Amino acid sequence: MPVLPLKSLILAATTLAALAPAALAADYPERPVRILVSFPPGGSSDLVARLLAEKLGAELGQQFVVENKPGAAGTVAATELKNADNDGYTLMLSNLTPFNVAPTSFPDTPYDPVTDFTHIGYIGAVHLGMFVSPALETPDMAAFVEKAKAEPGMLDYGSSGVGSWGHVVAVAFENEAGVELSHIPYKGSGPMRLDFRAGVIPVIFDAVPQNLPAVAEGTAVPLAVSSPERLETLPDTPTFAELGYDIVAENWLGISGSAGIDPEIVATLQDALDTALASDEVIAQFETWGIVGGKMTSEEFTDYVAEGVAEWEPLVKQANQ
């Protein structure tokens, strides 16, 4: 039996090593894929993740499983994503709070929001609303501000956590309106809305989509939204800007993975995501939820995340004073 020279053996081994990742990427996905969600079930992120998991699974022939990992302004999920293998089998429904807000709000955040991840594809954005209980008897912002000024520090408001975008926007509102509210942080939108519905807290700053049913049934009164223009889902609700407040904010959503995912896997996921977002069902559901869809390449999405860190930094610092 002939014996190959050492140089030939090294060359063969090097060639096989180079071919192995390409072969794995071509076969992706071969097993179920996890999608981490940084909030409890019931919030807008969770709803979007479950809808897209179904569509991605159908497109790629494997199950995409949603795992809720709430806590610490989304940094629990983002940290788990950072530490996951870069094989594309652990993804995250990335969003504003852990990637644009937390790095400033929590200086010891154990990751860099840009370099420690592969930002695969942008999904769209939702806007925030300020909702009050009908029991407050403040049908518009003027009435609310008058009541808040008459009772400084007496009105509780809920957000989905310290450092969340709801918290940051609420502090900006307090400063601009000259009112003092009392912050009650929750571990996500779901438990906050349960307390709001039960009358435990009279005010919430939360994403619009998951609060539309409460508005429709009359258990939540929307006073303002953070969009640049009025939302089709709440056409009678003014924007903060209309009311004289310099507040415009959106919570973007995307799909991200750990750093260094094979470009072929990224391309596969991008294509599948584009197909899902273009489906009639997803478009119709996004319209119902008030999600404004969009499309970016992985490179454009990465730049968008980096720009967001800089844009939110002054607002976050203000909230932490």
C-alpha atoms as a PDB file:
ATOM      1  CA  MET A   1       0.000   0.000   0.000  1.00  0.00           C
ATOM      2  CA  PRO A   2       1.585   3.326  -1.054  1.00  0.00           C
ATOM      3  CA  VAL A   3       2.337   5.854   1.651  1.00  0.00           C
ATOM      4  CA  LEU A   4       1.507   9.489   0.857  1.00  0.00           C
ATOM      5  CA  PRO A   5       4.231  12.054   1.528  1.00  0.00           C
ATOM      6  CA  LEU A   6       3.729  14.212   4.608  1.00  0.00           C
ATOM      7  CA  LYS A   7       3.234  17.290   2.415  1.00  0.00           C
ATOM      8  CA  SER A   8       0.363  15.569   0.590  1.00  0.00           C
ATOM      9  CA  LEU A   9      -1.270  14.512   3.839  1.00  0.00           C
ATOM     10  CA  ILE A  10      -1.141  18.077   5.173  1.00  0.00           C
ATOM     11  CA  LEU A  11      -2.586  19.432   1.939  1.00  0.00           C
ATOM     12  CA  ALA A  12      -5.405  16.870   1.999  1.00  0.00           C
ATOM     13  CA  ALA A  13      -6.238  17.634   5.617  1.00  0.00           C
ATOM     14  CA  THR A  14      -6.248  21.364   4.938  1.00  0.00           C
ATOM     15  CA  THR A  15      -8.550  20.915   1.950  1.00  0.00           C
ATOM     16  CA  LEU A  16     -11.007  18.803   3.941  1.00  0.00           C
ATOM     17  CA  ALA A  17     -11.015  21.333   6.785  1.00  0.00           C
ATOM     18  CA  ALA A  18     -11.792  24.110   4.341  1.00  0.00           C
ATOM     19  CA  LEU A  19     -14.583  22.114   2.698  1.00  0.00           C
ATOM     20  CA  ALA A  20     -16.260  21.065   5.976  1.00  0.00           C
ATOM     21  CA  PRO A  21     -17.776  24.463   6.937  1.00  0.00           C
ATOM     22  CA  ALA A  22     -18.992  24.988   3.380  1.00  0.00           C
ATOM     23  CA  ALA A  23     -20.680  21.601   3.402  1.00  0.00           C
ATOM     24  CA  LEU A  24     -22.298  22.327   6.755  1.00  0.00           C
ATOM     25  CA  ALA A  25     -23.509  25.712   5.534  1.00  0.00           C
ATOM     26  CA  ALA A  26     -24.994  24.144   2.402  1.00  0.00           C
ATOM     27  CA  ASP A  27     -26.999  21.687   4.522  1.00  0.00           C
ATOM     28  CA  TYR A  28     -28.230  24.289   7.026  1.00  0.00           C
ATOM     29  CA  PRO A  29     -30.490  23.820   8.910  1.00  0.00           C
ATOM     30  CA  GLU A  30     -30.235  20.132   9.769  1.00  0.00           C
ATOM     31  CA  ARG A  31     -31.865  20.373  13.201  1.00  0.00           C
ATOM     32  CA  PRO A  32     -34.250  22.716  15.063  1.00  0.00           C
ATOM     33  CA  VAL A  33     -33.207  26.361  15.433  1.00  0.00           C
ATOM     34  CA  ARG A  34     -33.776  28.341  18.631  1.00  0.00           C
ATOM     35  CA  ILE A  35     -35.068  31.924  18.580  1.00  0.00           C
ATOM     36  CA  LEU A  36     -34.479  33.696  21.892  1.00  0.00           C
ATOM     37  CA  VAL A  37     -36.971  36.387  22.908  1.00  0.00           C
ATOM     38  CA  SER A  38     -35.918  38.850  25.596  1.00  0.00           C
ATOM     39  CA  PHE A  39     -39.443  39.293  27.006  1.00  0.00           C
ATOM     40  CA  PRO A  40     -42.079  37.006  28.555  1.00  0.00           C
ATOM     41  CA  PRO A  41     -44.864  35.560  26.379  1.00  0.00           C
ATOM     42  CA  GLY A  42     -47.577  37.964  25.265  1.00  0.00           C
ATOM     43  CA  GLY A  43     -45.598  41.036  24.216  1.00  0.00           C
ATOM     44  CA  SER A  44     -45.091  42.309  20.689  1.00  0.00           C
ATOM     45  CA  SER A  45     -41.641  40.701  20.392  1.00  0.00           C
ATOM     46  CA  ASP A  46     -43.055  37.331  21.399  1.00  0.00           C
ATOM     47  CA  LEU A  47     -45.932  37.618  18.919  1.00  0.00           C
ATOM     48  CA  VAL A  48     -43.594  38.504  16.064  1.00  0.00           C
ATOM     49  CA  ALA A  49     -41.128  35.750  16.953  1.00  0.00           C
ATOM     50  CA  ARG A  50     -43.804  33.062  16.942  1.00  0.00           C
ATOM     51  CA  LEU A  51     -45.253  34.210  13.642  1.00  0.00           C
ATOM     52  CA  LEU A  52     -41.854  34.308  11.953  1.00  0.00           C
ATOM     53  CA  ALA A  53     -40.750  31.028  13.535  1.00  0.00           C
ATOM     54  CA  GLU A  54     -43.648  29.336  11.787  1.00  0.00           C
ATOM     55  CA  LYS A  55     -42.809  30.973   8.443  1.00  0.00           C
ATOM     56  CA  LEU A  56     -39.060  30.325   8.662  1.00  0.00           C
ATOM     57  CA  GLY A  57     -39.688  26.717   9.607  1.00  0.00           C
ATOM     58  CA  ALA A  58     -41.948  26.198   6.619  1.00  0.00           C
ATOM     59  CA  GLU A  59     -39.449  27.868   4.286  1.00  0.00           C
ATOM     60  CA  LEU A  60     -36.352  26.014   5.523  1.00  0.00           C
ATOM     61  CA  GLY A  61     -37.878  22.662   6.438  1.00  0.00           C
ATOM     62  CA  GLN A  62     -36.872  22.672  10.101  1.00  0.00           C
ATOM     63  CA  GLN A  63     -38.588  23.677  13.310  1.00  0.00           C
ATOM     64  CA  PHE A  64     -37.802  27.147  14.678  1.00  0.00           C
ATOM     65  CA  VAL A  65     -38.471  27.110  18.420  1.00  0.00           C
ATOM     66  CA  VAL A  66     -39.172  30.291  20.407  1.00  0.00           C
ATOM     67  CA  GLU A  67     -37.584  30.429  23.866  1.00  0.00           C
ATOM     68  CA  ASN A  68     -38.502  33.314  26.168  1.00  0.00           C
ATOM     69  CA  LYS A  69     -35.489  34.559  28.142  1.00  0.00           C
ATOM     70  CA  PRO A  70     -36.635  37.726  29.941  1.00  0.00           C
ATOM     71  CA  GLY A  71     -34.632  39.738  32.428  1.00  0.00           C
ATOM     72  CA  ALA A  72     -32.184  42.602  32.928  1.00  0.00           C
ATOM     73  CA  ALA A  73     -33.484  44.784  30.076  1.00  0.00           C
ATOM     74  CA  GLY A  74     -32.963  42.010  27.564  1.00  0.00           C
ATOM     75  CA  THR A  75     -29.335  41.405  28.447  1.00  0.00           C
ATOM     76  CA  VAL A  76     -30.050  37.878  29.697  1.00  0.00           C
ATOM     77  CA  ALA A  77     -31.103  36.770  26.217  1.00  0.00           C
ATOM     78  CA  ALA A  78     -28.413  38.805  24.446  1.00  0.00           C
ATOM     79  CA  THR A  79     -25.669  37.390  26.684  1.00  0.00           C
ATOM     80  CA  GLU A  80     -26.852  33.849  25.991  1.00  0.00           C
ATOM     81  CA  LEU A  81     -26.799  34.631  22.284  1.00  0.00           C
ATOM     82  CA  LYS A  82     -23.272  36.036  22.475  1.00  0.00           C
ATOM     83  CA  ASN A  83     -22.050  32.857  24.182  1.00  0.00           C
ATOM     84  CA  ALA A  84     -23.840  30.492  21.770  1.00  0.00           C
ATOM     85  CA  ASP A  85     -22.021  28.579  19.043  1.00  0.00           C
ATOM     86  CA  ASN A  86     -21.797  30.551  15.806  1.00  0.00           C
ATOM     87  CA  ASP A  87     -23.407  27.763  13.784  1.00  0.00           C
ATOM     88  CA  GLY A  88     -26.711  29.578  13.225  1.00  0.00           C
ATOM     89  CA  TYR A  89     -28.752  27.271  15.458  1.00  0.00           C
ATOM     90  CA  THR A  90     -29.262  29.905  18.159  1.00  0.00           C
ATOM     91  CA  LEU A  91     -30.793  33.183  17.013  1.00  0.00           C
ATOM     92  CA  MET A  92     -32.539  36.055  18.759  1.00  0.00           C
ATOM     93  CA  LEU A  93     -35.394  38.358  17.960  1.00  0.00           C
ATOM     94  CA  SER A  94     -33.142  41.342  18.546  1.00  0.00           C
ATOM     95  CA  ASN A  95     -34.640  44.648  19.544  1.00  0.00           C
ATOM     96  CA  LEU A  96     -33.916  48.125  20.766  1.00  0.00           C
ATOM     97  CA  THR A  97     -33.520  47.612  24.513  1.00  0.00           C
ATOM     98  CA  PRO A  98     -30.662  45.076  24.829  1.00  0.00           C
ATOM     99  CA  PHE A  99     -28.737  46.453  21.842  1.00  0.00           C
ATOM    100  CA  ASN A 100     -29.261  50.240  21.877  1.00  0.00           C
ATOM    101  CA  VAL A 101     -30.333  51.044  25.442  1.00  0.00           C
ATOM    102  CA  ALA A 102     -28.688  48.541  27.802  1.00  0.00           C
ATOM    103  CA  PRO A 103     -25.041  49.206  26.813  1.00  0.00           C
ATOM    104  CA  THR A 104     -25.422  52.800  28.034  1.00  0.00           C
ATOM    105  CA  SER A 105     -27.844  52.106  30.873  1.00  0.00           C
ATOM    106  CA  PHE A 106     -25.666  49.303  32.277  1.00  0.00           C
ATOM    107  CA  PRO A 107     -21.932  50.002  31.744  1.00  0.00           C
ATOM    108  CA  ASP A 108     -21.085  46.441  32.821  1.00  0.00           C
ATOM    109  CA  THR A 109     -23.179  44.904  30.007  1.00  0.00           C
ATOM    110  CA  PRO A 110     -21.093  41.826  29.068  1.00  0.00           C
ATOM    111  CA  TYR A 111     -21.113  42.337  25.311  1.00  0.00           C
ATOM    112  CA  ASP A 112     -20.561  44.815  22.536  1.00  0.00           C
ATOM    113  CA  PRO A 113     -23.879  45.315  20.687  1.00  0.00           C
ATOM    114  CA  VAL A 114     -22.170  45.353  17.289  1.00  0.00           C
ATOM    115  CA  THR A 115     -18.961  43.309  17.280  1.00  0.00           C
ATOM    116  CA  ASP A 116     -20.215  40.420  19.442  1.00  0.00           C
ATOM    117  CA  PHE A 117     -23.095  39.555  17.100  1.00  0.00           C
ATOM    118  CA  THR A 118     -24.055  38.816  13.527  1.00  0.00           C
ATOM    119  CA  HIS A 119     -27.007  41.071  12.755  1.00  0.00           C
ATOM    120  CA  ILE A 120     -28.733  39.058  10.058  1.00  0.00           C
ATOM    121  CA  GLY A 121     -31.859  40.902   9.015  1.00  0.00           C
ATOM    122  CA  TYR A 122     -34.113  43.812   9.953  1.00  0.00           C
ATOM    123  CA  ILE A 123     -37.825  43.076  10.418  1.00  0.00           C
ATOM    124  CA  GLY A 124     -39.539  46.365  11.199  1.00  0.00           C
ATOM    125  CA  ALA A 125     -40.488  48.624  14.065  1.00  0.00           C
ATOM    126  CA  VAL A 126     -43.277  49.309  16.504  1.00  0.00           C
ATOM    127  CA  HIS A 127     -44.003  52.559  18.262  1.00  0.00           C
ATOM    128  CA  LEU A 128     -44.736  53.296  21.884  1.00  0.00           C
ATOM    129  CA  GLY A 129     -47.903  54.644  23.382  1.00  0.00           C
ATOM    130  CA  MET A 130     -48.783  56.295  26.681  1.00  0.00           C
ATOM    131  CA  PHE A 131     -51.938  54.618  27.974  1.00  0.00           C
ATOM    132  CA  VAL A 132     -54.004  55.526  31.026  1.00  0.00           C
ATOM    133  CA  SER A 133     -56.839  53.863  32.867  1.00  0.00           C
ATOM    134  CA  PRO A 134     -60.330  55.270  32.262  1.00  0.00           C
ATOM    135  CA  ALA A 135     -60.606  55.493  36.048  1.00  0.00           C
ATOM    136  CA  LEU A 136     -58.156  58.421  36.002  1.00  0.00           C
ATOM    137  CA  GLU A 137     -60.751  60.470  34.129  1.00  0.00           C
ATOM    138  CA  THR A 138     -58.074  62.129  31.993  1.00  0.00           C
ATOM    139  CA  PRO A 139     -59.366  61.736  28.421  1.00  0.00           C
ATOM    140  CA  ASP A 140     -56.530  63.746  26.882  1.00  0.00           C
ATOM    141  CA  MET A 141     -52.955  64.805  27.607  1.00  0.00           C
ATOM    142  CA  ALA A 142     -53.883  68.255  28.885  1.00  0.00           C
ATOM    143  CA  ALA A 143     -56.126  66.748  31.549  1.00  0.00           C
ATOM    144  CA  PHE A 144     -53.454  64.210  32.499  1.00  0.00           C
ATOM    145  CA  VAL A 145     -50.706  66.797  32.858  1.00  0.00           C
ATOM    146  CA  GLU A 146     -52.988  68.974  34.980  1.00  0.00           C
ATOM    147  CA  LYS A 147     -53.727  66.034  37.285  1.00  0.00           C
ATOM    148  CA  ALA A 148     -50.072  64.959  37.464  1.00  0.00           C
ATOM    149  CA  LYS A 149     -48.969  68.485  38.395  1.00  0.00           C
ATOM    150  CA  ALA A 150     -51.628  68.635  41.100  1.00  0.00           C
ATOM    151  CA  GLU A 151     -50.446  65.296  42.536  1.00  0.00           C
ATOM    152  CA  PRO A 152     -46.619  65.206  42.122  1.00  0.00           C
ATOM    153  CA  GLY A 153     -45.168  61.731  42.617  1.00  0.00           C
ATOM    154  CA  MET A 154     -48.578  60.205  43.309  1.00  0.00           C
ATOM    155  CA  LEU A 155     -49.310  58.671  39.895  1.00  0.00           C
ATOM    156  CA  ASP A 156     -47.615  55.328  39.259  1.00  0.00           C
ATOM    157  CA  TYR A 157     -46.592  54.298  35.776  1.00  0.00           C
ATOM    158  CA  GLY A 158     -45.379  50.952  34.534  1.00  0.00           C
ATOM    159  CA  SER A 159     -42.667  50.056  32.043  1.00  0.00           C
ATOM    160  CA  SER A 160     -41.272  46.718  30.954  1.00  0.00           C
ATOM    161  CA  GLY A 161     -38.214  47.220  33.137  1.00  0.00           C
ATOM    162  CA  VAL A 162     -35.533  49.606  34.361  1.00  0.00           C
ATOM    163  CA  GLY A 163     -33.681  50.853  31.310  1.00  0.00           C
ATOM    164  CA  SER A 164     -36.391  49.731  28.896  1.00  0.00           C
ATOM    165  CA  TRP A 165     -37.501  52.059  26.146  1.00  0.00           C
ATOM    166  CA  GLY A 166     -40.764  52.657  28.013  1.00  0.00           C
ATOM    167  CA  HIS A 167     -38.784  53.827  31.034  1.00  0.00           C
ATOM    168  CA  VAL A 168     -36.527  56.041  28.902  1.00  0.00           C
ATOM    169  CA  VAL A 169     -39.455  57.651  27.063  1.00  0.00           C
ATOM    170  CA  ALA A 170     -41.386  58.142  30.311  1.00  0.00           C
ATOM    171  CA  VAL A 171     -38.485  60.052  31.866  1.00  0.00           C
ATOM    172  CA  ALA A 172     -38.191  62.202  28.743  1.00  0.00           C
ATOM    173  CA  PHE A 173     -41.910  62.946  29.018  1.00  0.00           C
ATOM    174  CA  GLU A 174     -41.644  63.819  32.707  1.00  0.00           C
ATOM    175  CA  ASN A 175     -38.834  66.262  31.989  1.00  0.00           C
ATOM    176  CA  GLU A 176     -40.585  67.929  29.062  1.00  0.00           C
ATOM    177  CA  ALA A 177     -44.025  68.089  30.701  1.00  0.00           C
ATOM    178  CA  GLY A 178     -42.680  69.216  34.054  1.00  0.00           C
ATOM    179  CA  VAL A 179     -44.412  66.424  35.959  1.00  0.00           C
ATOM    180  CA  GLU A 180     -43.250  63.880  38.509  1.00  0.00           C
ATOM    181  CA  LEU A 181     -44.480  60.287  38.182  1.00  0.00           C
ATOM    182  CA  SER A 182     -43.550  57.167  40.152  1.00  0.00           C
ATOM    183  CA  HIS A 183     -41.902  54.360  38.160  1.00  0.00           C
ATOM    184  CA  ILE A 184     -42.974  50.733  38.676  1.00  0.00           C
ATOM    185  CA  PRO A 185     -40.684  48.462  36.621  1.00  0.00           C
ATOM    186  CA  TYR A 186     -41.877  45.046  35.424  1.00  0.00           C
ATOM    187  CA  LYS A 187     -40.163  42.058  33.860  1.00  0.00           C
ATOM    188  CA  GLY A 188     -41.840  42.528  30.517  1.00  0.00           C
ATOM    189  CA  SER A 189     -44.990  43.929  28.981  1.00  0.00           C
ATOM    190  CA  GLY A 190     -47.223  40.947  29.758  1.00  0.00           C
ATOM    191  CA  PRO A 191     -47.192  41.152  33.582  1.00  0.00           C
ATOM    192  CA  MET A 192     -47.322  44.948  33.418  1.00  0.00           C
ATOM    193  CA  ARG A 193     -50.477  44.898  31.338  1.00  0.00           C
ATOM    194  CA  LEU A 194     -52.094  42.399  33.717  1.00  0.00           C
ATOM    195  CA  ASP A 195     -51.579  44.842  36.601  1.00  0.00           C
ATOM    196  CA  PHE A 196     -52.771  47.732  34.453  1.00  0.00           C
ATOM    197  CA  ARG A 197     -55.956  45.871  33.584  1.00  0.00           C
ATOM    198  CA  ALA A 198     -56.461  44.997  37.268  1.00  0.00           C
ATOM    199  CA  GLY A 199     -56.131  48.648  38.291  1.00  0.00           C
ATOM    200  CA  VAL A 200     -52.846  48.203  40.160  1.00  0.00           C
ATOM    201  CA  ILE A 201     -51.137  50.865  38.048  1.00  0.00           C
ATOM    202  CA  PRO A 202     -53.021  53.654  36.235  1.00  0.00           C
ATOM    203  CA  VAL A 203     -50.471  54.524  33.547  1.00  0.00           C
ATOM    204  CA  ILE A 204     -48.209  52.523  31.239  1.00  0.00           C
ATOM    205  CA  PHE A 205     -45.651  53.370  28.576  1.00  0.00           C
ATOM    206  CA  ASP A 206     -45.703  50.391  26.248  1.00  0.00           C
ATOM    207  CA  ALA A 207     -45.572  49.281  22.628  1.00  0.00           C
ATOM    208  CA  VAL A 208     -48.798  50.014  20.789  1.00  0.00           C
ATOM    209  CA  PRO A 209     -49.594  46.607  19.181  1.00  0.00           C
ATOM    210  CA  GLN A 210     -50.329  44.538  22.269  1.00  0.00           C
ATOM    211  CA  ASN A 211     -52.480  47.309  23.774  1.00  0.00           C
ATOM    212  CA  LEU A 212     -54.868  47.703  20.838  1.00  0.00           C
ATOM    213  CA  PRO A 213     -57.371  45.126  22.209  1.00  0.00           C
ATOM    214  CA  ALA A 214     -57.561  47.025  25.505  1.00  0.00           C
ATOM    215  CA  VAL A 215     -58.144  50.284  23.632  1.00  0.00           C
ATOM    216  CA  ALA A 216     -60.894  48.648  21.571  1.00  0.00           C
ATOM    217  CA  GLU A 217     -62.685  47.364  24.672  1.00  0.00           C
ATOM    218  CA  GLY A 218     -62.315  50.661  26.506  1.00  0.00           C
ATOM    219  CA  THR A 219     -59.996  49.529  29.301  1.00  0.00           C
ATOM    220  CA  ALA A 220     -57.069  51.657  28.085  1.00  0.00           C
ATOM    221  CA  VAL A 221     -57.084  55.265  26.909  1.00  0.00           C
ATOM    222  CA  PRO A 222     -54.220  56.207  24.556  1.00  0.00           C
ATOM    223  CA  LEU A 223     -52.986  59.754  25.174  1.00  0.00           C
ATOM    224  CA  ALA A 224     -50.018  59.916  22.778  1.00  0.00           C
ATOM    225  CA  VAL A 225     -47.838  57.791  20.498  1.00  0.00           C
ATOM    226  CA  SER A 226     -44.112  58.079  19.793  1.00  0.00           C
ATOM    227  CA  SER A 227     -44.331  57.782  16.003  1.00  0.00           C
ATOM    228  CA  PRO A 228     -43.351  60.650  13.666  1.00  0.00           C
ATOM    229  CA  GLU A 229     -46.930  60.703  12.318  1.00  0.00           C
ATOM    230  CA  ARG A 230     -50.242  59.373  13.585  1.00  0.00           C
ATOM    231  CA  LEU A 231     -50.623  55.605  13.395  1.00  0.00           C
ATOM    232  CA  GLU A 232     -53.254  53.997  11.203  1.00  0.00           C
ATOM    233  CA  THR A 233     -54.137  51.710  14.108  1.00  0.00           C
ATOM    234  CA  LEU A 234     -54.781  54.718  16.407  1.00  0.00           C
ATOM    235  CA  PRO A 235     -55.787  57.503  14.007  1.00  0.00           C
ATOM    236  CA  ASP A 236     -57.436  59.628  16.700  1.00  0.00           C
ATOM    237  CA  THR A 237     -54.424  59.576  19.021  1.00  0.00           C
ATOM    238  CA  PRO A 238     -51.956  62.468  18.622  1.00  0.00           C
ATOM    239  CA  THR A 239     -48.210  62.020  18.512  1.00  0.00           C
ATOM    240  CA  PHE A 240     -46.060  63.386  21.330  1.00  0.00           C
ATOM    241  CA  ALA A 241     -44.637  65.815  18.769  1.00  0.00           C
ATOM    242  CA  GLU A 242     -48.117  67.129  17.938  1.00  0.00           C
ATOM    243  CA  LEU A 243     -48.593  67.872  21.613  1.00  0.00           C
ATOM    244  CA  GLY A 244     -45.363  69.822  21.799  1.00  0.00           C
ATOM    245  CA  TYR A 245     -43.040  67.151  23.191  1.00  0.00           C
ATOM    246  CA  ASP A 246     -39.782  66.349  21.413  1.00  0.00           C
ATOM    247  CA  ILE A 247     -40.298  62.593  21.672  1.00  0.00           C
ATOM    248  CA  VAL A 248     -40.025  60.228  18.702  1.00  0.00           C
ATOM    249  CA  ALA A 249     -39.054  56.621  19.381  1.00  0.00           C
ATOM    250  CA  GLU A 250     -39.382  53.246  17.737  1.00  0.00           C
ATOM    251  CA  ASN A 251     -38.566  49.767  18.937  1.00  0.00           C
ATOM    252  CA  TRP A 252     -36.964  47.988  16.025  1.00  0.00           C
ATOM    253  CA  LEU A 253     -37.034  44.227  15.592  1.00  0.00           C
ATOM    254  CA  GLY A 254     -34.579  41.997  13.769  1.00  0.00           C
ATOM    255  CA  ILE A 255     -32.948  38.593  13.653  1.00  0.00           C
ATOM    256  CA  SER A 256     -29.431  38.334  15.072  1.00  0.00           C
ATOM    257  CA  GLY A 257     -26.982  35.561  15.880  1.00  0.00           C
ATOM    258  CA  SER A 258     -23.637  35.231  17.605  1.00  0.00           C
ATOM    259  CA  ALA A 259     -20.533  36.674  15.973  1.00  0.00           C
ATOM    260  CA  GLY A 260     -18.900  34.889  13.065  1.00  0.00           C
ATOM    261  CA  ILE A 261     -21.793  32.972  11.513  1.00  0.00           C
ATOM    262  CA  ASP A 262     -20.892  31.572   8.086  1.00  0.00           C
ATOM    263  CA  PRO A 263     -21.927  34.057   5.348  1.00  0.00           C
ATOM    264  CA  GLU A 264     -23.755  31.276   3.498  1.00  0.00           C
ATOM    265  CA  ILE A 265     -25.924  30.605   6.550  1.00  0.00           C
ATOM    266  CA  VAL A 266     -26.543  34.343   6.914  1.00  0.00           C
ATOM    267  CA  ALA A 267     -27.613  34.475   3.261  1.00  0.00           C
ATOM    268  CA  THR A 268     -29.922  31.478   3.744  1.00  0.00           C
ATOM    269  CA  LEU A 269     -31.588  33.121   6.734  1.00  0.00           C
ATOM    270  CA  GLN A 270     -31.832  36.490   4.972  1.00  0.00           C
ATOM    271  CA  ASP A 271     -33.568  34.924   1.976  1.00  0.00           C
ATOM    272  CA  ALA A 272     -35.982  32.982   4.182  1.00  0.00           C
ATOM    273  CA  LEU A 273     -36.733  36.087   6.249  1.00  0.00           C
ATOM    274  CA  ASP A 274     -37.359  38.170   3.123  1.00  0.00           C
ATOM    275  CA  THR A 275     -39.790  35.510   1.878  1.00  0.00           C
ATOM    276  CA  ALA A 276     -41.590  35.431   5.222  1.00  0.00           C
ATOM    277  CA  LEU A 277     -41.903  39.212   5.434  1.00  0.00           C
ATOM    278  CA  ALA A 278     -43.277  39.365   1.886  1.00  0.00           C
ATOM    279  CA  SER A 279     -46.060  36.857   2.580  1.00  0.00           C
ATOM    280  CA  ASP A 280     -49.621  38.181   2.586  1.00  0.00           C
ATOM    281  CA  GLU A 281     -50.268  36.729   6.048  1.00  0.00           C
ATOM    282  CA  VAL A 282     -47.292  38.466   7.655  1.00  0.00           C
ATOM    283  CA  ILE A 283     -48.015  41.774   5.916  1.00  0.00           C
ATOM    284  CA  ALA A 284     -51.643  41.685   7.060  1.00  0.00           C
ATOM    285  CA  GLN A 285     -50.712  40.709  10.612  1.00  0.00           C
ATOM    286  CA  PHE A 286     -48.075  43.424  10.828  1.00  0.00           C
ATOM    287  CA  GLU A 287     -50.652  46.000   9.734  1.00  0.00           C
ATOM    288  CA  THR A 288     -53.015  44.762  12.452  1.00  0.00           C
ATOM    289  CA  TRP A 289     -50.268  44.983  15.058  1.00  0.00           C
ATOM    290  CA  GLY A 290     -49.050  48.383  13.894  1.00  0.00           C
ATOM    291  CA  ILE A 291     -45.629  47.106  12.875  1.00  0.00           C
ATOM    292  CA  VAL A 292     -43.949  49.065  10.091  1.00  0.00           C
ATOM    293  CA  GLY A 293     -41.971  46.537   8.062  1.00  0.00           C
ATOM    294  CA  GLY A 294     -38.668  47.202   6.348  1.00  0.00           C
ATOM    295  CA  LYS A 295     -35.762  45.513   4.614  1.00  0.00           C
ATOM    296  CA  MET A 296     -32.012  45.799   5.144  1.00  0.00           C
ATOM    297  CA  THR A 297     -28.993  43.719   4.239  1.00  0.00           C
ATOM    298  CA  SER A 298     -26.944  42.286   7.084  1.00  0.00           C
ATOM    299  CA  GLU A 299     -24.376  45.059   6.575  1.00  0.00           C
ATOM    300  CA  GLU A 300     -27.047  47.787   6.599  1.00  0.00           C
ATOM    301  CA  PHE A 301     -28.684  46.288   9.684  1.00  0.00           C
ATOM    302  CA  THR A 302     -25.334  46.192  11.502  1.00  0.00           C
ATOM    303  CA  ASP A 303     -24.771  49.882  10.721  1.00  0.00           C
ATOM    304  CA  TYR A 304     -28.323  50.638  11.897  1.00  0.00           C
ATOM    305  CA  VAL A 305     -27.658  48.974  15.266  1.00  0.00           C
ATOM    306  CA  ALA A 306     -24.408  50.909  15.680  1.00  0.00           C
ATOM    307  CA  GLU A 307     -26.113  54.229  14.860  1.00  0.00           C
ATOM    308  CA  GLY A 308     -28.889  53.448  17.339  1.00  0.00           C
ATOM    309  CA  VAL A 309     -26.443  53.128  20.227  1.00  0.00           C
ATOM    310  CA  ALA A 310     -25.241  56.687  19.626  1.00  0.00           C
ATOM    311  CA  GLU A 311     -28.749  58.088  19.104  1.00  0.00           C
ATOM    312  CA  TRP A 312     -30.172  56.632  22.319  1.00  0.00           C
ATOM    313  CA  GLU A 313     -27.170  57.363  24.534  1.00  0.00           C
ATOM    314  CA  PRO A 314     -28.228  60.889  25.648  1.00  0.00           C
ATOM    315  CA  LEU A 315     -31.819  59.799  26.359  1.00  0.00           C
ATOM    316  CA  VAL A 316     -30.649  56.803  28.377  1.00  0.00           C
ATOM    317  CA  LYS A 317     -28.209  58.903  30.395  1.00  0.00           C
ATOM    318  CA  GLN A 318     -31.031  61.331  31.151  1.00  0.00           C
ATOM    319  CA  ALA A 319     -33.211  58.452  32.416  1.00  0.00           C
ATOM    320  CA  ASN A 320     -30.412  57.241  34.684  1.00  0.00           C
ATOM    321  CA  GLN A 321     -29.743  60.581  36.365  1.00  0.00           C
END
